[in-house]
Protein backbone atom coordinates (compact mmCIF):
# COMPACT_ATOMS: atom_id res chain seq x y z
CA UNK A 1 -50.22 43.28 14.82
CA UNK A 2 -48.77 45.08 12.09
CA UNK A 3 -49.95 46.42 8.60
CA UNK A 4 -47.56 45.61 5.66
CA UNK A 5 -47.97 49.11 3.99
CA UNK A 6 -46.63 50.61 7.30
CA UNK A 7 -43.42 48.67 7.14
CA UNK A 8 -39.87 49.97 5.99
CA UNK A 9 -38.42 48.39 2.60
CA UNK A 10 -36.10 46.10 4.79
CA UNK A 11 -39.19 45.05 6.64
CA UNK A 12 -41.41 44.08 3.90
CA UNK A 13 -38.52 42.52 2.07
CA UNK A 14 -38.18 40.27 5.09
CA UNK A 15 -41.87 39.40 5.32
CA UNK A 16 -41.86 38.72 1.50
CA UNK A 17 -38.80 36.58 1.88
CA UNK A 18 -40.80 34.42 4.46
CA UNK A 19 -43.70 33.94 2.50
CA UNK A 20 -41.41 33.01 -0.79
CA UNK A 21 -39.94 30.00 1.48
CA UNK A 22 -43.63 28.26 0.22
CA UNK A 23 -44.20 30.31 -2.82
CA UNK A 24 -47.01 27.70 -3.92
CA UNK A 25 -49.01 28.11 -0.63
CA UNK A 26 -48.68 31.84 -0.58
CA UNK A 27 -48.71 32.49 -4.31
CA UNK A 28 -51.79 34.92 -4.42
CA UNK A 29 -50.67 36.88 -1.57
CA UNK A 30 -47.30 37.11 -2.97
CA UNK A 31 -48.66 38.66 -6.32
CA UNK A 32 -50.61 41.00 -4.53
CA UNK A 33 -48.00 42.39 -2.24
CA UNK A 34 -45.53 42.70 -5.08
CA UNK A 35 -48.07 43.99 -8.04
CA UNK A 36 -51.15 45.47 -6.31
CA UNK A 37 -49.95 46.80 -3.01
CA UNK A 38 -52.06 49.88 -3.11
CA UNK A 39 -55.44 47.78 -3.46
CA UNK A 40 -54.25 45.11 -0.90
CA UNK A 41 -54.20 44.87 2.90
CA UNK A 42 -52.22 42.53 4.58
CA UNK A 43 -52.10 42.28 8.65
CA UNK A 44 -50.11 39.94 10.35
CA UNK A 45 -48.24 38.82 13.82
CA UNK A 46 -44.65 37.54 13.49
CA UNK A 47 -43.50 35.37 16.26
CA UNK A 48 -39.59 34.75 15.41
CA UNK A 49 -39.98 33.03 12.01
CA UNK A 50 -43.60 31.97 12.67
CA UNK A 51 -46.13 34.46 10.19
CA UNK A 52 -49.62 34.37 10.82
CA UNK A 53 -51.73 36.81 8.48
CA UNK A 54 -55.36 38.04 7.35
CA UNK A 55 -54.83 39.44 3.82
CA UNK A 56 -57.52 41.43 1.82
CA UNK A 57 -56.84 40.40 -1.92
CA UNK A 58 -56.26 43.26 -4.14
CA UNK A 59 -56.09 41.20 -7.19
CA UNK A 60 -58.41 43.19 -9.81
CA UNK A 61 -60.41 39.88 -10.24
CA UNK A 62 -61.32 40.46 -6.56
CA UNK A 63 -62.20 44.03 -6.43
CA UNK A 64 -65.78 44.05 -7.65
CA UNK A 65 -68.09 43.13 -5.11
CA UNK A 66 -67.61 41.72 -1.81
CA UNK A 67 -64.05 41.23 -0.32
CA UNK A 68 -61.79 38.00 -0.78
CA UNK A 69 -59.62 37.24 2.11
CA UNK A 70 -56.93 34.68 2.48
CA UNK A 71 -55.83 33.60 6.18
CA UNK A 72 -52.51 31.70 7.48
CA UNK A 73 -50.81 30.53 10.45
CA UNK A 74 -51.20 29.81 14.02
CA UNK A 75 -55.06 29.52 14.71
CA UNK A 76 -54.88 31.51 17.99
CA UNK A 77 -52.99 34.12 16.10
CA UNK A 78 -55.41 34.28 13.27
CA UNK A 79 -58.08 34.45 15.53
CA UNK A 80 -56.59 37.52 17.24
CA UNK A 81 -56.23 39.10 13.57
CA UNK A 82 -59.82 38.59 12.97
CA UNK A 83 -60.91 39.97 16.38
CA UNK A 84 -58.66 43.12 15.90
CA UNK A 85 -59.29 43.88 11.86
CA UNK A 86 -63.43 42.81 11.97
CA UNK A 87 -63.86 41.99 8.30
CA UNK A 88 -67.39 42.98 7.40
CA UNK A 89 -69.30 40.66 5.72
CA UNK A 90 -70.07 39.71 2.93
CA UNK A 91 -66.60 38.28 2.14
CA UNK A 92 -65.15 34.82 1.07
CA UNK A 93 -61.86 33.14 2.39
CA UNK A 94 -59.72 31.62 -0.27
CA UNK A 95 -56.86 29.97 -0.70
CA UNK A 96 -56.47 29.16 3.05
CA UNK A 97 -55.50 26.10 5.04
CA UNK A 98 -58.68 23.88 5.75
CA UNK A 99 -57.62 23.49 9.47
CA UNK A 100 -58.25 27.22 9.97
CA UNK A 101 -62.06 26.58 9.37
CA UNK A 102 -63.19 26.57 12.80
CA UNK A 103 -61.46 29.79 13.19
CA UNK A 104 -63.50 31.51 10.50
CA UNK A 105 -66.73 30.03 11.96
CA UNK A 106 -66.09 31.32 15.21
CA UNK A 107 -66.01 34.85 13.84
CA UNK A 108 -68.57 34.09 11.32
CA UNK A 109 -70.83 31.01 12.60
CA UNK A 110 -73.32 31.20 9.55
CA UNK A 111 -70.16 30.57 7.02
CA UNK A 112 -70.71 28.01 4.50
CA UNK A 113 -67.77 26.09 3.52
CA UNK A 114 -66.60 23.29 1.13
CA UNK A 115 -63.30 21.50 1.07
CA UNK A 116 -60.58 22.00 -1.66
CA UNK A 117 -57.21 20.65 -2.61
CA UNK A 118 -54.07 22.70 -3.75
CA UNK A 119 -52.42 20.49 -6.56
CA UNK A 120 -48.91 21.36 -7.64
CA UNK A 121 -46.76 20.25 -10.84
CA UNK A 122 -43.19 20.98 -11.93
CA UNK A 123 -41.28 20.73 -15.01
CA UNK A 124 -39.90 17.22 -13.81
CA UNK A 125 -43.15 15.83 -13.00
CA UNK A 126 -45.50 17.38 -15.67
CA UNK A 127 -46.54 14.67 -17.87
CA UNK A 128 -47.83 16.31 -21.18
CA UNK A 129 -51.03 14.81 -22.83
CA UNK A 130 -52.50 17.09 -25.49
CA UNK A 131 -51.93 17.25 -29.40
CA UNK A 132 -51.39 21.19 -29.66
CA UNK A 133 -55.02 21.86 -30.17
CA UNK A 134 -55.45 24.79 -27.64
CA UNK A 135 -54.05 28.17 -28.22
CA UNK A 136 -53.40 31.59 -26.50
CA UNK A 137 -56.76 33.61 -26.91
CA UNK A 138 -56.19 37.24 -28.18
CA UNK A 139 -58.73 40.24 -28.06
CA UNK A 140 -60.11 39.37 -31.48
CA UNK A 141 -61.50 36.18 -29.47
CA UNK A 142 -63.59 38.26 -27.10
CA UNK A 143 -67.06 37.46 -29.02
CA UNK A 144 -66.33 33.64 -28.64
CA UNK A 145 -65.34 34.10 -25.12
CA UNK A 146 -68.56 36.13 -24.38
CA UNK A 147 -70.43 33.41 -25.99
CA UNK A 148 -68.70 30.72 -24.10
CA UNK A 149 -69.44 32.45 -20.94
CA UNK A 150 -72.98 32.95 -21.67
CA UNK A 151 -72.90 36.47 -22.02
CA UNK A 152 -74.21 39.00 -25.02
CA UNK A 153 -71.43 40.39 -27.40
CA UNK A 154 -71.67 43.66 -25.70
CA UNK A 155 -70.68 42.40 -22.21
CA UNK A 156 -66.87 42.09 -23.84
CA UNK A 157 -65.80 45.00 -21.60
CA UNK A 158 -66.22 42.79 -18.61
CA UNK A 159 -63.75 40.40 -20.02
CA UNK A 160 -61.29 42.13 -21.54
CA UNK A 161 -59.24 43.07 -18.34
CA UNK A 162 -59.31 39.41 -17.61
CA UNK A 163 -57.98 38.50 -21.09
CA UNK A 164 -55.18 40.65 -21.35
CA UNK A 165 -54.18 40.47 -17.53
CA UNK A 166 -53.57 36.61 -17.75
CA UNK A 167 -50.08 35.95 -19.09
CA UNK A 168 -51.48 32.86 -20.23
CA UNK A 169 -54.96 32.62 -21.27
CA UNK A 170 -55.88 29.51 -23.49
CA UNK A 171 -58.83 28.27 -25.23
CA UNK A 172 -59.77 25.01 -27.27
CA UNK A 173 -62.32 25.50 -30.53
CA UNK A 174 -64.22 22.76 -31.91
CA UNK A 175 -66.72 23.73 -35.04
CA UNK A 176 -65.41 27.26 -34.85
CA UNK A 177 -66.71 27.61 -31.24
CA UNK A 178 -64.66 27.58 -27.91
CA UNK A 179 -65.11 24.34 -26.06
CA UNK A 180 -62.95 24.83 -23.24
CA UNK A 181 -61.03 27.75 -21.46
CA UNK A 182 -58.37 28.14 -18.78
CA UNK A 183 -55.87 30.75 -17.63
CA UNK A 184 -53.31 31.80 -15.26
CA UNK A 185 -53.94 34.38 -12.57
CA UNK A 186 -50.62 34.52 -10.40
CA UNK A 187 -47.58 34.77 -12.41
CA UNK A 188 -44.47 35.10 -10.63
CA UNK A 189 -40.63 33.65 -11.51
CA UNK A 190 -41.19 31.02 -8.31
CA UNK A 191 -44.69 29.97 -9.33
CA UNK A 192 -47.81 30.20 -11.78
CA UNK A 193 -51.15 29.61 -10.30
CA UNK A 194 -54.02 28.28 -12.98
CA UNK A 195 -57.38 28.94 -12.76
CA UNK A 196 -61.12 29.01 -14.59
CA UNK A 197 -60.46 25.60 -16.37
CA UNK A 198 -63.72 25.08 -17.59
CA UNK A 199 -65.39 22.85 -20.25
CA UNK A 200 -68.69 23.77 -21.74
CA UNK A 201 -71.30 21.61 -20.30
CA UNK A 202 -72.61 20.42 -23.82
CA UNK A 203 -69.21 19.09 -24.52
CA UNK A 204 -67.80 17.18 -21.74
CA UNK A 205 -66.52 13.91 -21.66
CA UNK A 206 -64.40 14.34 -25.00
CA UNK A 207 -60.97 14.89 -23.55
CA UNK A 208 -61.42 18.86 -23.77
CA UNK A 209 -60.30 19.31 -20.26
CA UNK A 210 -56.92 17.39 -20.39
CA UNK A 211 -56.08 18.65 -23.85
CA UNK A 212 -56.61 22.24 -22.47
CA UNK A 213 -55.01 21.86 -19.20
CA UNK A 214 -51.98 20.08 -20.52
CA UNK A 215 -51.38 22.92 -23.36
CA UNK A 216 -51.90 25.80 -20.63
CA UNK A 217 -49.38 23.93 -17.99
CA UNK A 218 -46.92 23.55 -20.94
CA UNK A 219 -47.01 27.19 -21.64
CA UNK A 220 -46.94 28.25 -17.92
CA UNK A 221 -43.77 26.31 -17.44
CA UNK A 222 -42.21 28.32 -20.16
CA UNK A 223 -41.92 31.09 -17.53
CA UNK A 224 -41.66 29.08 -14.19
CA UNK A 225 -40.63 25.83 -12.74
CA UNK A 226 -43.72 25.22 -10.73
CA UNK A 227 -47.38 25.61 -11.61
CA UNK A 228 -50.52 25.37 -8.74
CA UNK A 229 -54.05 25.34 -8.95
CA UNK A 230 -57.10 24.48 -6.63
CA UNK A 231 -59.93 22.10 -6.96
CA UNK A 232 -62.94 21.33 -5.10
CA UNK A 233 -62.42 17.78 -3.36
CA UNK A 234 -65.61 16.45 -4.54
CA UNK A 235 -64.62 17.20 -8.32
CA UNK A 236 -63.69 13.73 -9.16
CA UNK A 237 -63.42 14.19 -12.90
CA UNK A 238 -61.08 17.50 -12.55
CA UNK A 239 -58.90 15.16 -10.16
CA UNK A 240 -58.35 12.68 -12.57
CA UNK A 241 -57.55 15.06 -15.17
CA UNK A 242 -54.79 16.98 -13.08
CA UNK A 243 -53.34 13.69 -11.35
CA UNK A 244 -52.95 12.40 -15.19
CA UNK A 245 -50.79 15.50 -16.05
CA UNK A 246 -48.54 14.97 -12.80
CA UNK A 247 -50.19 17.01 -10.33
CA UNK A 248 -50.28 15.90 -6.86
CA UNK A 249 -52.35 16.99 -3.73
CA UNK A 250 -49.89 19.17 -1.41
CA UNK A 251 -52.24 20.88 0.71
CA UNK A 252 -56.24 20.88 1.73
CA UNK A 253 -57.66 24.10 1.67
CA UNK A 254 -61.21 25.76 2.25
CA UNK A 255 -63.56 27.66 0.77
CA UNK A 256 -65.62 29.75 2.91
CA UNK A 257 -68.55 32.09 2.10
CA UNK A 258 -69.24 34.35 4.67
CA UNK A 259 -72.51 35.87 3.57
CA UNK A 260 -71.39 36.35 0.17
CA UNK A 261 -73.90 35.24 -2.48
């Protein structure tokens, strides 16, 4: 087992090159290792061109509360990494292949899990479905964002980092109030990952999710050729929206809660 921070520059570049072969699959890990290496931890086993890893996310969104882990690779090697690194609960495992769920459960039998899908779209397959009603949110929109999130105006400092840190943060307004939001999280030349696509519970079924997501994806595709997202497999309404826009399921993933509320 090795740790990314202990490698020399040539060795680090070799690991990054392996991850970039499937940039959509490893998007969060790639951004962590290139943008927040100081707060990220990446433990790995490499056998030829086969790479298995256990990664502690260093993304600012994952630095409050319990840890967010990403795992990938050969089950036996991931199991070995769990035994050697011994992550302490509570933590959540995200953005990781579903076939590794048994490995996580062997380490933490009380884990609660849900199936997710990773869905991808590119410039060629994207099918725009928007009229231009959604727009980039600015710092002046913080009070509206607080209201949308059910938080008081004085909670604005909690959201300013999210708003400023996202390359693309879109909102859809109706009657002067936010009805839907969504943002980018991973912003790399190879891939953008979008997250937090949400329509206010009192205004669903009006096409806001389609309008917001379509505008968000179109903006992201100005910076990259590929956009991906992760959605719970039982979220049929969201799946219909994404498929209508040209997204296709590329990988089954797991969300596993290991003692995290």
